[in-house]
Amino acid sequence: MPTYDYSCEGCGHEFEHFQSMSSRRLRKCPDCGETKLERLIGGGSGLIFKGSGFYETDYKRAGRGAPSSEKSPSAKSAPTGGG
């Protein structure tokens, strides 16, 4: 459900109201009680999910790397510091 911005032309009170798209617009100002509310046009915000989703198998786990035979040998033969 979207949040709509309203402004009263009588008293200048501005507020947001959370309502469904099929609900009628508000007419009466909650501040002054006059029926001079205008629904403001907003840029809106959206969140769009594309694709089939995210799954546990999409990410590598810490214990599941490349097999030990595929690791580079340079890491094993690096000299230790000392001197």
Protein backbone atom coordinates (compact mmCIF):
# COMPACT_ATOMS: atom_id res chain seq x y z
CA MET A 1 0.00 0.00 0.00
CA PRO A 2 1.38 3.41 -0.90
CA THR A 3 1.85 6.45 1.26
CA TYR A 4 0.19 9.60 -0.07
CA ASP A 5 1.15 13.19 0.71
CA TYR A 6 -1.65 15.63 1.45
CA SER A 7 -1.72 19.38 1.90
CA CYS A 8 -4.54 21.53 3.26
CA GLU A 9 -5.23 24.70 1.26
CA GLY A 10 -6.99 26.19 4.29
CA CYS A 11 -4.32 25.99 6.99
CA GLY A 12 -1.25 24.77 5.05
CA HIS A 13 -0.92 21.57 7.11
CA GLU A 14 1.02 18.85 5.23
CA PHE A 15 1.06 15.18 6.18
CA GLU A 16 1.47 11.65 4.83
CA HIS A 17 -1.25 9.01 4.93
CA PHE A 18 -0.85 5.26 4.36
CA GLN A 19 -3.81 3.92 2.37
CA SER A 20 -4.60 1.48 -0.43
CA MET A 21 -4.79 2.60 -4.04
CA SER A 22 -8.50 1.80 -4.23
CA SER A 23 -9.38 3.94 -1.17
CA ARG A 24 -11.04 7.30 -1.68
CA ARG A 25 -8.88 10.36 -1.19
CA LEU A 26 -9.05 12.16 2.09
CA ARG A 27 -11.11 15.35 2.02
CA LYS A 28 -11.15 16.62 5.61
CA CYS A 29 -8.03 18.12 7.17
CA PRO A 30 -7.19 16.48 10.51
CA ASP A 31 -5.72 19.77 11.77
CA CYS A 32 -8.34 22.42 10.98
CA GLY A 33 -11.33 20.27 9.95
CA GLU A 34 -11.92 22.01 6.61
CA THR A 35 -12.55 20.02 3.43
CA LYS A 36 -9.73 21.61 1.45
CA LEU A 37 -7.24 18.75 1.22
CA GLU A 38 -5.22 18.26 -1.95
CA ARG A 39 -3.33 15.07 -2.71
CA LEU A 40 0.17 16.02 -3.75
CA ILE A 41 1.93 14.42 -6.68
CA GLY A 42 5.12 12.76 -5.52
CA GLY A 43 8.00 11.14 -7.29
CA GLY A 44 7.26 7.94 -5.47
CA SER A 45 9.73 5.27 -4.67
CA GLY A 46 9.89 1.75 -5.84
CA LEU A 47 11.73 -1.41 -5.21
CA ILE A 48 12.01 -3.77 -8.12
CA PHE A 49 13.28 -7.30 -7.79
CA LYS A 50 14.42 -8.86 -11.03
CA GLY A 51 15.51 -12.40 -11.68
CA SER A 52 14.60 -15.66 -10.06
CA GLY A 53 15.77 -14.73 -6.56
CA PHE A 54 18.67 -15.43 -4.27
CA TYR A 55 19.47 -18.82 -2.90
CA GLU A 56 21.89 -20.24 -0.34
CA THR A 57 23.85 -21.86 -3.17
CA ASP A 58 24.55 -18.46 -4.78
CA TYR A 59 27.23 -17.67 -2.23
CA LYS A 60 30.44 -19.46 -1.31
CA ARG A 61 30.88 -20.73 2.20
CA ALA A 62 34.11 -20.30 4.13
CA GLY A 63 34.88 -24.03 4.26
CA ARG A 64 34.11 -24.68 0.61
CA GLY A 65 36.91 -23.25 -1.46
CA ALA A 66 38.92 -24.74 -4.29
CA PRO A 67 40.27 -28.25 -3.64
CA SER A 68 43.76 -28.31 -2.10
CA SER A 69 45.31 -29.68 -5.30
CA GLU A 70 44.23 -26.56 -7.20
CA LYS A 71 45.71 -24.06 -4.75
CA SER A 72 48.83 -22.26 -5.88
CA PRO A 73 52.11 -23.83 -4.79
CA SER A 74 53.72 -20.40 -4.24
CA ALA A 75 51.79 -19.99 -1.00
CA LYS A 76 53.41 -23.14 0.43
CA SER A 77 56.98 -22.33 -0.65
CA ALA A 78 57.03 -18.74 0.57
CA PRO A 79 59.96 -18.24 2.97
CA THR A 80 59.17 -17.34 6.55
CA GLY A 81 60.61 -14.15 7.89
CA GLY A 82 63.64 -14.48 10.10
CA GLY A 83 67.11 -13.54 9.95
